[in-house]
C-alpha atoms as a PDB file:
ATOM      1  CA  MET A   1      13.408   1.495 -16.022  1.00  0.00           C
ATOM      2  CA  ILE A   2      14.173   5.247 -15.767  1.00  0.00           C
ATOM      3  CA  LYS A   3      16.471   6.281 -18.677  1.00  0.00           C
ATOM      4  CA  ASN A   4      18.126   9.693 -19.033  1.00  0.00           C
ATOM      5  CA  ARG A   5      18.517  10.203 -15.336  1.00  0.00           C
ATOM      6  CA  THR A   6      20.116  13.443 -14.165  1.00  0.00           C
ATOM      7  CA  ARG A   7      22.202  14.214 -11.199  1.00  0.00           C
ATOM      8  CA  GLY A   8      19.376  16.434  -9.816  1.00  0.00           C
ATOM      9  CA  GLN A   9      16.916  13.421  -9.855  1.00  0.00           C
ATOM     10  CA  GLY A  10      19.428  11.421  -7.826  1.00  0.00           C
ATOM     11  CA  LYS A  11      19.775  14.206  -5.279  1.00  0.00           C
ATOM     12  CA  GLU A  12      16.010  14.447  -5.034  1.00  0.00           C
ATOM     13  CA  LEU A  13      15.701  10.769  -4.378  1.00  0.00           C
ATOM     14  CA  LEU A  14      18.432  10.885  -1.756  1.00  0.00           C
ATOM     15  CA  GLY A  15      16.616  13.728  -0.055  1.00  0.00           C
ATOM     16  CA  LEU A  16      13.538  11.652   0.422  1.00  0.00           C
ATOM     17  CA  PRO A  17      12.688  10.398   4.046  1.00  0.00           C
ATOM     18  CA  ARG A  18      14.261   6.943   4.480  1.00  0.00           C
ATOM     19  CA  GLN A  19      10.942   5.065   4.558  1.00  0.00           C
ATOM     20  CA  VAL A  20       9.914   6.652   1.221  1.00  0.00           C
ATOM     21  CA  LEU A  21      13.296   6.054  -0.242  1.00  0.00           C
ATOM     22  CA  ARG A  22      13.086   2.383   0.667  1.00  0.00           C
ATOM     23  CA  LEU A  23       9.759   2.041  -1.127  1.00  0.00           C
ATOM     24  CA  VAL A  24      11.022   3.759  -4.249  1.00  0.00           C
ATOM     25  CA  VAL A  25      14.096   1.612  -4.401  1.00  0.00           C
ATOM     26  CA  GLY A  26      11.989  -1.491  -3.793  1.00  0.00           C
ATOM     27  CA  VAL A  27       9.703  -0.609  -6.721  1.00  0.00           C
ATOM     28  CA  LEU A  28      12.651   0.166  -9.037  1.00  0.00           C
ATOM     29  CA  THR A  29      14.492  -3.076  -8.215  1.00  0.00           C
ATOM     30  CA  GLY A  30      11.611  -5.385  -7.808  1.00  0.00           C
ATOM     31  CA  HIS A  31      12.574  -6.140  -4.180  1.00  0.00           C
ATOM     32  CA  THR A  32       9.325  -5.456  -2.595  1.00  0.00           C
ATOM     33  CA  GLN A  33       6.806  -7.087  -0.188  1.00  0.00           C
ATOM     34  CA  LEU A  34       4.780  -8.163  -3.122  1.00  0.00           C
ATOM     35  CA  ASN A  35       3.980 -11.894  -3.838  1.00  0.00           C
ATOM     36  CA  ARG A  36       6.349 -12.182  -6.953  1.00  0.00           C
ATOM     37  CA  HIS A  37       9.403 -11.345  -4.743  1.00  0.00           C
ATOM     38  CA  LEU A  38       8.097 -13.182  -1.755  1.00  0.00           C
ATOM     39  CA  CYS A  39       7.534 -16.291  -3.820  1.00  0.00           C
ATOM     40  CA  ILE A  40      11.022 -16.147  -5.233  1.00  0.00           C
ATOM     41  CA  THR A  41      12.423 -15.934  -1.698  1.00  0.00           C
ATOM     42  CA  GLY A  42      10.216 -18.752  -0.436  1.00  0.00           C
ATOM     43  CA  VAL A  43       8.111 -16.729   1.943  1.00  0.00           C
ATOM     44  CA  VAL A  44       4.817 -17.425   0.073  1.00  0.00           C
ATOM     45  CA  THR A  45       3.818 -20.099  -2.468  1.00  0.00           C
ATOM     46  CA  ASN A  46       1.352 -18.167  -4.484  1.00  0.00           C
ATOM     47  CA  PRO A  47       2.849 -15.252  -6.626  1.00  0.00           C
ATOM     48  CA  PHE A  48      -0.554 -13.972  -7.867  1.00  0.00           C
ATOM     49  CA  CYS A  49      -1.955 -10.610  -6.919  1.00  0.00           C
ATOM     50  CA  GLU A  50      -4.038 -10.661  -3.798  1.00  0.00           C
ATOM     51  CA  GLN A  51      -6.092  -7.648  -4.946  1.00  0.00           C
ATOM     52  CA  CYS A  52      -7.366  -8.869  -8.360  1.00  0.00           C
ATOM     53  CA  GLY A  53      -6.006 -12.502  -8.722  1.00  0.00           C
ATOM     54  CA  GLU A  54      -5.476 -11.790 -12.459  1.00  0.00           C
ATOM     55  CA  ALA A  55      -1.679 -11.745 -12.685  1.00  0.00           C
ATOM     56  CA  ILE A  56       1.596 -12.215 -10.780  1.00  0.00           C
ATOM     57  CA  GLU A  57       1.822  -9.500  -8.018  1.00  0.00           C
ATOM     58  CA  SER A  58       4.709  -7.274  -8.877  1.00  0.00           C
ATOM     59  CA  ALA A  59       5.481  -3.514  -8.727  1.00  0.00           C
ATOM     60  CA  MET A  60       4.789  -3.164 -12.444  1.00  0.00           C
ATOM     61  CA  HIS A  61       1.544  -4.995 -12.150  1.00  0.00           C
ATOM     62  CA  TYR A  62       0.404  -2.628  -9.296  1.00  0.00           C
ATOM     63  CA  LEU A  63       1.528   0.443 -11.068  1.00  0.00           C
ATOM     64  CA  ARG A  64       0.343  -0.361 -14.682  1.00  0.00           C
ATOM     65  CA  TYR A  65      -2.224  -3.045 -14.797  1.00  0.00           C
ATOM     66  CA  CYS A  66      -3.993  -4.166 -11.577  1.00  0.00           C
ATOM     67  CA  SER A  67      -7.770  -3.655 -12.072  1.00  0.00           C
ATOM     68  CA  SER A  68      -8.207  -2.996  -8.384  1.00  0.00           C
ATOM     69  CA  PHE A  69      -6.222   0.278  -8.740  1.00  0.00           C
ATOM     70  CA  SER A  70      -7.564   1.395 -12.052  1.00  0.00           C
ATOM     71  CA  SER A  71      -9.594   4.237 -10.439  1.00  0.00           C
ATOM     72  CA  ILE A  72      -6.520   5.535  -8.728  1.00  0.00           C
ATOM     73  CA  ARG A  73      -4.470   5.490 -12.043  1.00  0.00           C
ATOM     74  CA  ARG A  74      -7.370   7.210 -13.743  1.00  0.00           C
ATOM     75  CA  ALA A  75      -7.349   9.948 -11.048  1.00  0.00           C
ATOM     76  CA  ILE A  76      -3.647  10.470 -11.236  1.00  0.00           C
ATOM     77  CA  TRP A  77      -2.730   9.924 -14.964  1.00  0.00           C
ATOM     78  CA  GLY A  78      -6.209   9.923 -16.608  1.00  0.00           C
ATOM     79  CA  LYS A  79      -5.727   6.317 -17.733  1.00  0.00           C
ATOM     80  CA  ASP A  80      -7.007   2.996 -16.367  1.00  0.00           C
ATOM     81  CA  ILE A  81      -3.902   1.076 -17.685  1.00  0.00           C
ATOM     82  CA  LEU A  82      -0.445   2.627 -17.872  1.00  0.00           C
ATOM     83  CA  TYR A  83       1.238   1.282 -21.026  1.00  0.00           C
ATOM     84  CA  PRO A  84       5.044   1.674 -21.115  1.00  0.00           C
ATOM     85  CA  LEU A  85       4.976   4.614 -23.445  1.00  0.00           C
ATOM     86  CA  ILE A  86       2.666   6.470 -21.054  1.00  0.00           C
ATOM     87  CA  LEU A  87       4.923   5.760 -18.086  1.00  0.00           C
ATOM     88  CA  LYS A  88       7.983   6.752 -20.135  1.00  0.00           C
ATOM     89  CA  GLN A  89       6.566  10.045 -21.128  1.00  0.00           C
ATOM     90  CA  TYR A  90       5.523  10.872 -17.487  1.00  0.00           C
ATOM     91  CA  LEU A  91       8.963   9.943 -16.105  1.00  0.00           C
ATOM     92  CA  LEU A  92      10.839  11.937 -18.741  1.00  0.00           C
ATOM     93  CA  GLU A  93       8.575  14.987 -18.132  1.00  0.00           C
ATOM     94  CA  GLY A  94       8.841  14.723 -14.302  1.00  0.00           C
END
């Protein structure tokens, strides 16, 4: 997901508080408390988003597409939907 990583970014991640690092790793690996992963592990039977019901609930759905979070994405990135190129540009700049 994140290409061209640097040693400094790794150190920055390792410097995060344990709870925050756990969330970041979960988002990057897909191992989160979202319905897609919970359905795969047999915890829930419905993989769809509980917020919008429009798609399978995954980290990428939340970050990029979920209509329930469009106002937050607009406030942070100036876009309602984060297409891959927008995310790539943001990650490479950051």
